[in-house]
Amino acid sequence: APRVGRPDGEAESGRGLLLVETLADKW
């Protein structure tokens, strides 16, 4: 099951579901 990542500022990936969580009303 995918999980929302909380990458540090230097990470090049891991923000996809954080964007989904922010932009969608529900997911």
mmCIF file of all heavy atoms, coordinates in Angstrom:
data_MODEL
# 
_entry.id   MODEL 
# 
loop_
_atom_site.group_PDB 
_atom_site.id 
_atom_site.type_symbol 
_atom_site.label_atom_id 
_atom_site.label_alt_id 
_atom_site.label_comp_id 
_atom_site.label_asym_id 
_atom_site.label_entity_id 
_atom_site.label_seq_id 
_atom_site.pdbx_PDB_ins_code 
_atom_site.Cartn_x 
_atom_site.Cartn_y 
_atom_site.Cartn_z 
_atom_site.occupancy 
_atom_site.B_iso_or_equiv 
_atom_site.pdbx_formal_charge 
_atom_site.auth_seq_id 
_atom_site.auth_comp_id 
_atom_site.auth_asym_id 
_atom_site.auth_atom_id 
_atom_site.pdbx_PDB_model_num 
ATOM 1   N N   . ALA A 1 1  ? 0.856   -1.184 0.000  1.00 0.00 ? 1  ALA A N   1 
ATOM 2   C CA  . ALA A 1 1  ? 0.000   0.000  0.000  1.00 0.00 ? 1  ALA A CA  1 
ATOM 3   C C   . ALA A 1 1  ? 0.893   1.236  0.000  1.00 0.00 ? 1  ALA A C   1 
ATOM 4   O O   . ALA A 1 1  ? 1.815   1.331  0.807  1.00 0.00 ? 1  ALA A O   1 
ATOM 5   C CB  . ALA A 1 1  ? -0.902  0.007  1.228  1.00 0.00 ? 1  ALA A CB  1 
ATOM 6   N N   . PRO A 1 2  ? 0.636   2.166  -0.887 1.00 0.00 ? 2  PRO A N   1 
ATOM 7   C CA  . PRO A 1 2  ? 1.456   3.373  -0.911 1.00 0.00 ? 2  PRO A CA  1 
ATOM 8   C C   . PRO A 1 2  ? 1.226   4.229  0.336  1.00 0.00 ? 2  PRO A C   1 
ATOM 9   O O   . PRO A 1 2  ? 0.145   4.234  0.898  1.00 0.00 ? 2  PRO A O   1 
ATOM 10  C CB  . PRO A 1 2  ? 0.986   4.102  -2.170 1.00 0.00 ? 2  PRO A CB  1 
ATOM 11  C CG  . PRO A 1 2  ? -0.360  3.581  -2.447 1.00 0.00 ? 2  PRO A CG  1 
ATOM 12  C CD  . PRO A 1 2  ? -0.409  2.187  -1.897 1.00 0.00 ? 2  PRO A CD  1 
ATOM 13  N N   . ARG A 1 3  ? 2.275   4.921  0.725  1.00 0.00 ? 3  ARG A N   1 
ATOM 14  C CA  . ARG A 1 3  ? 2.204   5.813  1.886  1.00 0.00 ? 3  ARG A CA  1 
ATOM 15  C C   . ARG A 1 3  ? 2.769   7.168  1.498  1.00 0.00 ? 3  ARG A C   1 
ATOM 16  O O   . ARG A 1 3  ? 3.666   7.263  0.667  1.00 0.00 ? 3  ARG A O   1 
ATOM 17  C CB  . ARG A 1 3  ? 3.013   5.238  3.047  1.00 0.00 ? 3  ARG A CB  1 
ATOM 18  C CG  . ARG A 1 3  ? 2.424   3.975  3.627  1.00 0.00 ? 3  ARG A CG  1 
ATOM 19  C CD  . ARG A 1 3  ? 3.217   3.515  4.836  1.00 0.00 ? 3  ARG A CD  1 
ATOM 20  N NE  . ARG A 1 3  ? 4.648   3.446  4.601  1.00 0.00 ? 3  ARG A NE  1 
ATOM 21  C CZ  . ARG A 1 3  ? 5.310   2.357  4.229  1.00 0.00 ? 3  ARG A CZ  1 
ATOM 22  N NH1 . ARG A 1 3  ? 4.650   1.233  4.047  1.00 0.00 ? 3  ARG A NH1 1 
ATOM 23  N NH2 . ARG A 1 3  ? 6.603   2.385  4.053  1.00 0.00 ? 3  ARG A NH2 1 
ATOM 24  N N   . VAL A 1 4  ? 2.280   8.194  2.153  1.00 0.00 ? 4  VAL A N   1 
ATOM 25  C CA  . VAL A 1 4  ? 2.778   9.538  1.921  1.00 0.00 ? 4  VAL A CA  1 
ATOM 26  C C   . VAL A 1 4  ? 4.176   9.635  2.515  1.00 0.00 ? 4  VAL A C   1 
ATOM 27  O O   . VAL A 1 4  ? 4.384   9.338  3.687  1.00 0.00 ? 4  VAL A O   1 
ATOM 28  C CB  . VAL A 1 4  ? 1.858   10.601 2.566  1.00 0.00 ? 4  VAL A CB  1 
ATOM 29  C CG1 . VAL A 1 4  ? 2.446   11.993 2.416  1.00 0.00 ? 4  VAL A CG1 1 
ATOM 30  C CG2 . VAL A 1 4  ? 0.470   10.537 1.945  1.00 0.00 ? 4  VAL A CG2 1 
ATOM 31  N N   . GLY A 1 5  ? 5.131   10.031 1.673  1.00 0.00 ? 5  GLY A N   1 
ATOM 32  C CA  . GLY A 1 5  ? 6.505   10.198 2.136  1.00 0.00 ? 5  GLY A CA  1 
ATOM 33  C C   . GLY A 1 5  ? 6.730   11.602 2.683  1.00 0.00 ? 5  GLY A C   1 
ATOM 34  O O   . GLY A 1 5  ? 6.006   12.535 2.346  1.00 0.00 ? 5  GLY A O   1 
ATOM 35  N N   . ARG A 1 6  ? 7.702   11.730 3.508  1.00 0.00 ? 6  ARG A N   1 
ATOM 36  C CA  . ARG A 1 6  ? 8.111   13.029 4.049  1.00 0.00 ? 6  ARG A CA  1 
ATOM 37  C C   . ARG A 1 6  ? 9.622   13.170 3.822  1.00 0.00 ? 6  ARG A C   1 
ATOM 38  O O   . ARG A 1 6  ? 10.419  13.141 4.756  1.00 0.00 ? 6  ARG A O   1 
ATOM 39  C CB  . ARG A 1 6  ? 7.801   13.122 5.551  1.00 0.00 ? 6  ARG A CB  1 
ATOM 40  C CG  . ARG A 1 6  ? 6.358   12.851 5.909  1.00 0.00 ? 6  ARG A CG  1 
ATOM 41  C CD  . ARG A 1 6  ? 5.465   14.024 5.576  1.00 0.00 ? 6  ARG A CD  1 
ATOM 42  N NE  . ARG A 1 6  ? 4.104   13.712 6.040  1.00 0.00 ? 6  ARG A NE  1 
ATOM 43  C CZ  . ARG A 1 6  ? 3.023   14.057 5.394  1.00 0.00 ? 6  ARG A CZ  1 
ATOM 44  N NH1 . ARG A 1 6  ? 3.099   14.736 4.282  1.00 0.00 ? 6  ARG A NH1 1 
ATOM 45  N NH2 . ARG A 1 6  ? 1.836   13.746 5.862  1.00 0.00 ? 6  ARG A NH2 1 
ATOM 46  N N   . PRO A 1 7  ? 10.024  13.298 2.542  1.00 0.00 ? 7  PRO A N   1 
ATOM 47  C CA  . PRO A 1 7  ? 11.455  13.352 2.240  1.00 0.00 ? 7  PRO A CA  1 
ATOM 48  C C   . PRO A 1 7  ? 12.087  14.650 2.736  1.00 0.00 ? 7  PRO A C   1 
ATOM 49  O O   . PRO A 1 7  ? 11.414  15.676 2.870  1.00 0.00 ? 7  PRO A O   1 
ATOM 50  C CB  . PRO A 1 7  ? 11.488  13.286 0.713  1.00 0.00 ? 7  PRO A CB  1 
ATOM 51  C CG  . PRO A 1 7  ? 10.182  13.830 0.284  1.00 0.00 ? 7  PRO A CG  1 
ATOM 52  C CD  . PRO A 1 7  ? 9.199   13.437 1.359  1.00 0.00 ? 7  PRO A CD  1 
ATOM 53  N N   . ASP A 1 8  ? 13.397  14.577 2.999  1.00 0.00 ? 8  ASP A N   1 
ATOM 54  C CA  . ASP A 1 8  ? 14.091  15.799 3.397  1.00 0.00 ? 8  ASP A CA  1 
ATOM 55  C C   . ASP A 1 8  ? 14.269  16.691 2.165  1.00 0.00 ? 8  ASP A C   1 
ATOM 56  O O   . ASP A 1 8  ? 13.998  16.287 1.038  1.00 0.00 ? 8  ASP A O   1 
ATOM 57  C CB  . ASP A 1 8  ? 15.422  15.483 4.077  1.00 0.00 ? 8  ASP A CB  1 
ATOM 58  C CG  . ASP A 1 8  ? 16.429  14.820 3.150  1.00 0.00 ? 8  ASP A CG  1 
ATOM 59  O OD1 . ASP A 1 8  ? 16.448  15.123 1.937  1.00 0.00 ? 8  ASP A OD1 1 
ATOM 60  O OD2 . ASP A 1 8  ? 17.230  14.008 3.651  1.00 0.00 ? 8  ASP A OD2 1 
ATOM 61  N N   . GLY A 1 9  ? 14.712  17.894 2.380  1.00 0.00 ? 9  GLY A N   1 
ATOM 62  C CA  . GLY A 1 9  ? 14.820  18.883 1.305  1.00 0.00 ? 9  GLY A CA  1 
ATOM 63  C C   . GLY A 1 9  ? 15.755  18.507 0.191  1.00 0.00 ? 9  GLY A C   1 
ATOM 64  O O   . GLY A 1 9  ? 15.666  19.045 -0.910 1.00 0.00 ? 9  GLY A O   1 
ATOM 65  N N   . GLU A 1 10 ? 16.656  17.570 0.402  1.00 0.00 ? 10 GLU A N   1 
ATOM 66  C CA  . GLU A 1 10 ? 17.639  17.190 -0.603 1.00 0.00 ? 10 GLU A CA  1 
ATOM 67  C C   . GLU A 1 10 ? 17.197  15.984 -1.435 1.00 0.00 ? 10 GLU A C   1 
ATOM 68  O O   . GLU A 1 10 ? 17.796  15.701 -2.460 1.00 0.00 ? 10 GLU A O   1 
ATOM 69  C CB  . GLU A 1 10 ? 18.965  16.886 0.083  1.00 0.00 ? 10 GLU A CB  1 
ATOM 70  C CG  . GLU A 1 10 ? 19.397  18.002 0.994  1.00 0.00 ? 10 GLU A CG  1 
ATOM 71  C CD  . GLU A 1 10 ? 20.769  18.532 0.647  1.00 0.00 ? 10 GLU A CD  1 
ATOM 72  O OE1 . GLU A 1 10 ? 21.433  17.932 -0.198 1.00 0.00 ? 10 GLU A OE1 1 
ATOM 73  O OE2 . GLU A 1 10 ? 21.138  19.554 1.231  1.00 0.00 ? 10 GLU A OE2 1 
ATOM 74  N N   . ALA A 1 11 ? 16.163  15.293 -1.008 1.00 0.00 ? 11 ALA A N   1 
ATOM 75  C CA  . ALA A 1 11 ? 15.706  14.097 -1.725 1.00 0.00 ? 11 ALA A CA  1 
ATOM 76  C C   . ALA A 1 11 ? 15.145  14.467 -3.095 1.00 0.00 ? 11 ALA A C   1 
ATOM 77  O O   . ALA A 1 11 ? 14.488  15.491 -3.258 1.00 0.00 ? 11 ALA A O   1 
ATOM 78  C CB  . ALA A 1 11 ? 14.640  13.374 -0.908 1.00 0.00 ? 11 ALA A CB  1 
ATOM 79  N N   . GLU A 1 12 ? 15.437  13.629 -4.092 1.00 0.00 ? 12 GLU A N   1 
ATOM 80  C CA  . GLU A 1 12 ? 14.983  13.890 -5.450 1.00 0.00 ? 12 GLU A CA  1 
ATOM 81  C C   . GLU A 1 12 ? 13.657  13.226 -5.768 1.00 0.00 ? 12 GLU A C   1 
ATOM 82  O O   . GLU A 1 12 ? 13.105  13.423 -6.845 1.00 0.00 ? 12 GLU A O   1 
ATOM 83  C CB  . GLU A 1 12 ? 16.048  13.432 -6.444 1.00 0.00 ? 12 GLU A CB  1 
ATOM 84  C CG  . GLU A 1 12 ? 17.310  14.266 -6.361 1.00 0.00 ? 12 GLU A CG  1 
ATOM 85  C CD  . GLU A 1 12 ? 18.337  13.861 -7.393 1.00 0.00 ? 12 GLU A CD  1 
ATOM 86  O OE1 . GLU A 1 12 ? 17.994  13.082 -8.303 1.00 0.00 ? 12 GLU A OE1 1 
ATOM 87  O OE2 . GLU A 1 12 ? 19.477  14.321 -7.278 1.00 0.00 ? 12 GLU A OE2 1 
ATOM 88  N N   . SER A 1 13 ? 13.145  12.418 -4.873 1.00 0.00 ? 13 SER A N   1 
ATOM 89  C CA  . SER A 1 13 ? 11.870  11.746 -5.110 1.00 0.00 ? 13 SER A CA  1 
ATOM 90  C C   . SER A 1 13 ? 11.146  11.573 -3.780 1.00 0.00 ? 13 SER A C   1 
ATOM 91  O O   . SER A 1 13 ? 11.641  11.973 -2.733 1.00 0.00 ? 13 SER A O   1 
ATOM 92  C CB  . SER A 1 13 ? 12.104  10.384 -5.779 1.00 0.00 ? 13 SER A CB  1 
ATOM 93  O OG  . SER A 1 13 ? 12.832  9.543  -4.912 1.00 0.00 ? 13 SER A OG  1 
ATOM 94  N N   . GLY A 1 14 ? 9.954   10.981 -3.841 1.00 0.00 ? 14 GLY A N   1 
ATOM 95  C CA  . GLY A 1 14 ? 9.219   10.682 -2.628 1.00 0.00 ? 14 GLY A CA  1 
ATOM 96  C C   . GLY A 1 14 ? 8.142   11.687 -2.257 1.00 0.00 ? 14 GLY A C   1 
ATOM 97  O O   . GLY A 1 14 ? 7.586   11.631 -1.173 1.00 0.00 ? 14 GLY A O   1 
ATOM 98  N N   . ARG A 1 15 ? 7.829   12.610 -3.182 1.00 0.00 ? 15 ARG A N   1 
ATOM 99  C CA  . ARG A 1 15 ? 6.835   13.645 -2.875 1.00 0.00 ? 15 ARG A CA  1 
ATOM 100 C C   . ARG A 1 15 ? 5.506   13.451 -3.603 1.00 0.00 ? 15 ARG A C   1 
ATOM 101 O O   . ARG A 1 15 ? 4.599   14.251 -3.445 1.00 0.00 ? 15 ARG A O   1 
ATOM 102 C CB  . ARG A 1 15 ? 7.392   15.015 -3.228 1.00 0.00 ? 15 ARG A CB  1 
ATOM 103 C CG  . ARG A 1 15 ? 8.533   15.446 -2.345 1.00 0.00 ? 15 ARG A CG  1 
ATOM 104 C CD  . ARG A 1 15 ? 9.124   16.786 -2.777 1.00 0.00 ? 15 ARG A CD  1 
ATOM 105 N NE  . ARG A 1 15 ? 10.231  17.157 -1.927 1.00 0.00 ? 15 ARG A NE  1 
ATOM 106 C CZ  . ARG A 1 15 ? 11.479  16.730 -2.081 1.00 0.00 ? 15 ARG A CZ  1 
ATOM 107 N NH1 . ARG A 1 15 ? 11.779  15.924 -3.074 1.00 0.00 ? 15 ARG A NH1 1 
ATOM 108 N NH2 . ARG A 1 15 ? 12.428  17.108 -1.256 1.00 0.00 ? 15 ARG A NH2 1 
ATOM 109 N N   . GLY A 1 16 ? 5.385   12.410 -4.397 1.00 0.00 ? 16 GLY A N   1 
ATOM 110 C CA  . GLY A 1 16 ? 4.192   12.218 -5.221 1.00 0.00 ? 16 GLY A CA  1 
ATOM 111 C C   . GLY A 1 16 ? 2.899   12.174 -4.448 1.00 0.00 ? 16 GLY A C   1 
ATOM 112 O O   . GLY A 1 16 ? 1.961   12.920 -4.738 1.00 0.00 ? 16 GLY A O   1 
ATOM 113 N N   . LEU A 1 17 ? 2.826   11.318 -3.449 1.00 0.00 ? 17 LEU A N   1 
ATOM 114 C CA  . LEU A 1 17 ? 1.582   11.212 -2.685 1.00 0.00 ? 17 LEU A CA  1 
ATOM 115 C C   . LEU A 1 17 ? 1.377   12.397 -1.760 1.00 0.00 ? 17 LEU A C   1 
ATOM 116 O O   . LEU A 1 17 ? 0.242   12.708 -1.401 1.00 0.00 ? 17 LEU A O   1 
ATOM 117 C CB  . LEU A 1 17 ? 1.525   9.893  -1.912 1.00 0.00 ? 17 LEU A CB  1 
ATOM 118 C CG  . LEU A 1 17 ? 1.310   8.668  -2.796 1.00 0.00 ? 17 LEU A CG  1 
ATOM 119 C CD1 . LEU A 1 17 ? 1.341   7.395  -1.962 1.00 0.00 ? 17 LEU A CD1 1 
ATOM 120 C CD2 . LEU A 1 17 ? 0.024   8.768  -3.587 1.00 0.00 ? 17 LEU A CD2 1 
ATOM 121 N N   . LEU A 1 18 ? 2.443   13.082 -1.414 1.00 0.00 ? 18 LEU A N   1 
ATOM 122 C CA  . LEU A 1 18 ? 2.301   14.324 -0.655 1.00 0.00 ? 18 LEU A CA  1 
ATOM 123 C C   . LEU A 1 18 ? 1.576   15.360 -1.516 1.00 0.00 ? 18 LEU A C   1 
ATOM 124 O O   . LEU A 1 18 ? 0.698   16.080 -1.039 1.00 0.00 ? 18 LEU A O   1 
ATOM 125 C CB  . LEU A 1 18 ? 3.674   14.846 -0.222 1.00 0.00 ? 18 LEU A CB  1 
ATOM 126 C CG  . LEU A 1 18 ? 3.700   16.082 0.659  1.00 0.00 ? 18 LEU A CG  1 
ATOM 127 C CD1 . LEU A 1 18 ? 2.909   15.861 1.941  1.00 0.00 ? 18 LEU A CD1 1 
ATOM 128 C CD2 . LEU A 1 18 ? 5.140   16.453 0.991  1.00 0.00 ? 18 LEU A CD2 1 
ATOM 129 N N   . LEU A 1 19 ? 1.898   15.402 -2.804 1.00 0.00 ? 19 LEU A N   1 
ATOM 130 C CA  . LEU A 1 19 ? 1.177   16.282 -3.737 1.00 0.00 ? 19 LEU A CA  1 
ATOM 131 C C   . LEU A 1 19 ? -0.282  15.869 -3.853 1.00 0.00 ? 19 LEU A C   1 
ATOM 132 O O   . LEU A 1 19 ? -1.176  16.715 -3.840 1.00 0.00 ? 19 LEU A O   1 
ATOM 133 C CB  . LEU A 1 19 ? 1.830   16.259 -5.118 1.00 0.00 ? 19 LEU A CB  1 
ATOM 134 C CG  . LEU A 1 19 ? 3.140   17.002 -5.258 1.00 0.00 ? 19 LEU A CG  1 
ATOM 135 C CD1 . LEU A 1 19 ? 3.800   16.676 -6.597 1.00 0.00 ? 19 LEU A CD1 1 
ATOM 136 C CD2 . LEU A 1 19 ? 2.915   18.495 -5.134 1.00 0.00 ? 19 LEU A CD2 1 
ATOM 137 N N   . VAL A 1 20 ? -0.528  14.565 -3.983 1.00 0.00 ? 20 VAL A N   1 
ATOM 138 C CA  . VAL A 1 20 ? -1.902  14.072 -4.087 1.00 0.00 ? 20 VAL A CA  1 
ATOM 139 C C   . VAL A 1 20 ? -2.679  14.443 -2.827 1.00 0.00 ? 20 VAL A C   1 
ATOM 140 O O   . VAL A 1 20 ? -3.806  14.943 -2.905 1.00 0.00 ? 20 VAL A O   1 
ATOM 141 C CB  . VAL A 1 20 ? -1.929  12.545 -4.328 1.00 0.00 ? 20 VAL A CB  1 
ATOM 142 C CG1 . VAL A 1 20 ? -3.349  12.000 -4.252 1.00 0.00 ? 20 VAL A CG1 1 
ATOM 143 C CG2 . VAL A 1 20 ? -1.300  12.207 -5.675 1.00 0.00 ? 20 VAL A CG2 1 
ATOM 144 N N   . GLU A 1 21 ? -2.079  14.237 -1.674 1.00 0.00 ? 21 GLU A N   1 
ATOM 145 C CA  . GLU A 1 21 ? -2.727  14.566 -0.405 1.00 0.00 ? 21 GLU A CA  1 
ATOM 146 C C   . GLU A 1 21 ? -3.067  16.058 -0.324 1.00 0.00 ? 21 GLU A C   1 
ATOM 147 O O   . GLU A 1 21 ? -4.110  16.452 0.205  1.00 0.00 ? 21 GLU A O   1 
ATOM 148 C CB  . GLU A 1 21 ? -1.808  14.178 0.754  1.00 0.00 ? 21 GLU A CB  1 
ATOM 149 C CG  . GLU A 1 21 ? -2.391  14.440 2.122  1.00 0.00 ? 21 GLU A CG  1 
ATOM 150 C CD  . GLU A 1 21 ? -1.438  14.006 3.213  1.00 0.00 ? 21 GLU A CD  1 
ATOM 151 O OE1 . GLU A 1 21 ? -0.380  14.654 3.364  1.00 0.00 ? 21 GLU A OE1 1 
ATOM 152 O OE2 . GLU A 1 21 ? -1.752  13.020 3.897  1.00 0.00 ? 21 GLU A OE2 1 
ATOM 153 N N   . THR A 1 22 ? -2.204  16.887 -0.882 1.00 0.00 ? 22 THR A N   1 
ATOM 154 C CA  . THR A 1 22 ? -2.402  18.340 -0.843 1.00 0.00 ? 22 THR A CA  1 
ATOM 155 C C   . THR A 1 22 ? -3.442  18.811 -1.856 1.00 0.00 ? 22 THR A C   1 
ATOM 156 O O   . THR A 1 22 ? -4.273  19.669 -1.537 1.00 0.00 ? 22 THR A O   1 
ATOM 157 C CB  . THR A 1 22 ? -1.058  19.052 -1.119 1.00 0.00 ? 22 THR A CB  1 
ATOM 158 O OG1 . THR A 1 22 ? -0.126  18.652 -0.112 1.00 0.00 ? 22 THR A OG1 1 
ATOM 159 C CG2 . THR A 1 22 ? -1.210  20.558 -1.095 1.00 0.00 ? 22 THR A CG2 1 
ATOM 160 N N   . LEU A 1 23 ? -3.439  18.256 -3.055 1.00 0.00 ? 23 LEU A N   1 
ATOM 161 C CA  . LEU A 1 23 ? -4.282  18.759 -4.137 1.00 0.00 ? 23 LEU A CA  1 
ATOM 162 C C   . LEU A 1 23 ? -5.690  18.158 -4.170 1.00 0.00 ? 23 LEU A C   1 
ATOM 163 O O   . LEU A 1 23 ? -6.640  18.834 -4.558 1.00 0.00 ? 23 LEU A O   1 
ATOM 164 C CB  . LEU A 1 23 ? -3.602  18.522 -5.488 1.00 0.00 ? 23 LEU A CB  1 
ATOM 165 C CG  . LEU A 1 23 ? -2.277  19.253 -5.694 1.00 0.00 ? 23 LEU A CG  1 
ATOM 166 C CD1 . LEU A 1 23 ? -1.620  18.805 -6.995 1.00 0.00 ? 23 LEU A CD1 1 
ATOM 167 C CD2 . LEU A 1 23 ? -2.482  20.752 -5.671 1.00 0.00 ? 23 LEU A CD2 1 
ATOM 168 N N   . ALA A 1 24 ? -5.821  16.890 -3.812 1.00 0.00 ? 24 ALA A N   1 
ATOM 169 C CA  . ALA A 1 24 ? -7.126  16.222 -3.858 1.00 0.00 ? 24 ALA A CA  1 
ATOM 170 C C   . ALA A 1 24 ? -7.921  16.523 -2.591 1.00 0.00 ? 24 ALA A C   1 
ATOM 171 O O   . ALA A 1 24 ? -7.353  16.776 -1.531 1.00 0.00 ? 24 ALA A O   1 
ATOM 172 C CB  . ALA A 1 24 ? -6.940  14.713 -4.013 1.00 0.00 ? 24 ALA A CB  1 
ATOM 173 N N   . ASP A 1 25 ? -9.244  16.479 -2.700 1.00 0.00 ? 25 ASP A N   1 
ATOM 174 C CA  . ASP A 1 25 ? -10.082 16.633 -1.514 1.00 0.00 ? 25 ASP A CA  1 
ATOM 175 C C   . ASP A 1 25 ? -10.014 15.393 -0.630 1.00 0.00 ? 25 ASP A C   1 
ATOM 176 O O   . ASP A 1 25 ? -10.033 15.485 0.592  1.00 0.00 ? 25 ASP A O   1 
ATOM 177 C CB  . ASP A 1 25 ? -11.535 16.903 -1.913 1.00 0.00 ? 25 ASP A CB  1 
ATOM 178 C CG  . ASP A 1 25 ? -11.677 18.246 -2.599 1.00 0.00 ? 25 ASP A CG  1 
ATOM 179 O OD1 . ASP A 1 25 ? -11.109 19.239 -2.101 1.00 0.00 ? 25 ASP A OD1 1 
ATOM 180 O OD2 . ASP A 1 25 ? -12.332 18.300 -3.647 1.00 0.00 ? 25 ASP A OD2 1 
ATOM 181 N N   . LYS A 1 26 ? -9.933  14.239 -1.268 1.00 0.00 ? 26 LYS A N   1 
ATOM 182 C CA  . LYS A 1 26 ? -9.793  12.960 -0.576 1.00 0.00 ? 26 LYS A CA  1 
ATOM 183 C C   . LYS A 1 26 ? -8.943  12.064 -1.458 1.00 0.00 ? 26 LYS A C   1 
ATOM 184 O O   . LYS A 1 26 ? -8.954  12.200 -2.682 1.00 0.00 ? 26 LYS A O   1 
ATOM 185 C CB  . LYS A 1 26 ? -11.139 12.260 -0.394 1.00 0.00 ? 26 LYS A CB  1 
ATOM 186 C CG  . LYS A 1 26 ? -12.111 12.921 0.520  1.00 0.00 ? 26 LYS A CG  1 
ATOM 187 C CD  . LYS A 1 26 ? -13.371 12.054 0.590  1.00 0.00 ? 26 LYS A CD  1 
ATOM 188 C CE  . LYS A 1 26 ? -14.491 12.740 1.314  1.00 0.00 ? 26 LYS A CE  1 
ATOM 189 N NZ  . LYS A 1 26 ? -15.708 11.919 1.293  1.00 0.00 ? 26 LYS A NZ  1 
ATOM 190 N N   . TRP A 1 27 ? -8.258  11.128 -0.843 1.00 0.00 ? 27 TRP A N   1 
ATOM 191 C CA  . TRP A 1 27 ? -7.562  10.096 -1.592 1.00 0.00 ? 27 TRP A CA  1 
ATOM 192 C C   . TRP A 1 27 ? -7.441  8.873  -0.695 1.00 0.00 ? 27 TRP A C   1 
ATOM 193 O O   . TRP A 1 27 ? -7.589  8.959  0.515  1.00 0.00 ? 27 TRP A O   1 
ATOM 194 C CB  . TRP A 1 27 ? -6.203  10.577 -2.110 1.00 0.00 ? 27 TRP A CB  1 
ATOM 195 C CG  . TRP A 1 27 ? -5.107  10.543 -1.079 1.00 0.00 ? 27 TRP A CG  1 
ATOM 196 C CD1 . TRP A 1 27 ? -4.856  11.479 -0.123 1.00 0.00 ? 27 TRP A CD1 1 
ATOM 197 C CD2 . TRP A 1 27 ? -4.157  9.488  -0.882 1.00 0.00 ? 27 TRP A CD2 1 
ATOM 198 N NE1 . TRP A 1 27 ? -3.798  11.086 0.649  1.00 0.00 ? 27 TRP A NE1 1 
ATOM 199 C CE2 . TRP A 1 27 ? -3.343  9.875  0.203  1.00 0.00 ? 27 TRP A CE2 1 
ATOM 200 C CE3 . TRP A 1 27 ? -3.910  8.281  -1.521 1.00 0.00 ? 27 TRP A CE3 1 
ATOM 201 C CZ2 . TRP A 1 27 ? -2.303  9.081  0.651  1.00 0.00 ? 27 TRP A CZ2 1 
ATOM 202 C CZ3 . TRP A 1 27 ? -2.872  7.484  -1.067 1.00 0.00 ? 27 TRP A CZ3 1 
ATOM 203 C CH2 . TRP A 1 27 ? -2.082  7.893  0.002  1.00 0.00 ? 27 TRP A CH2 1 
# 
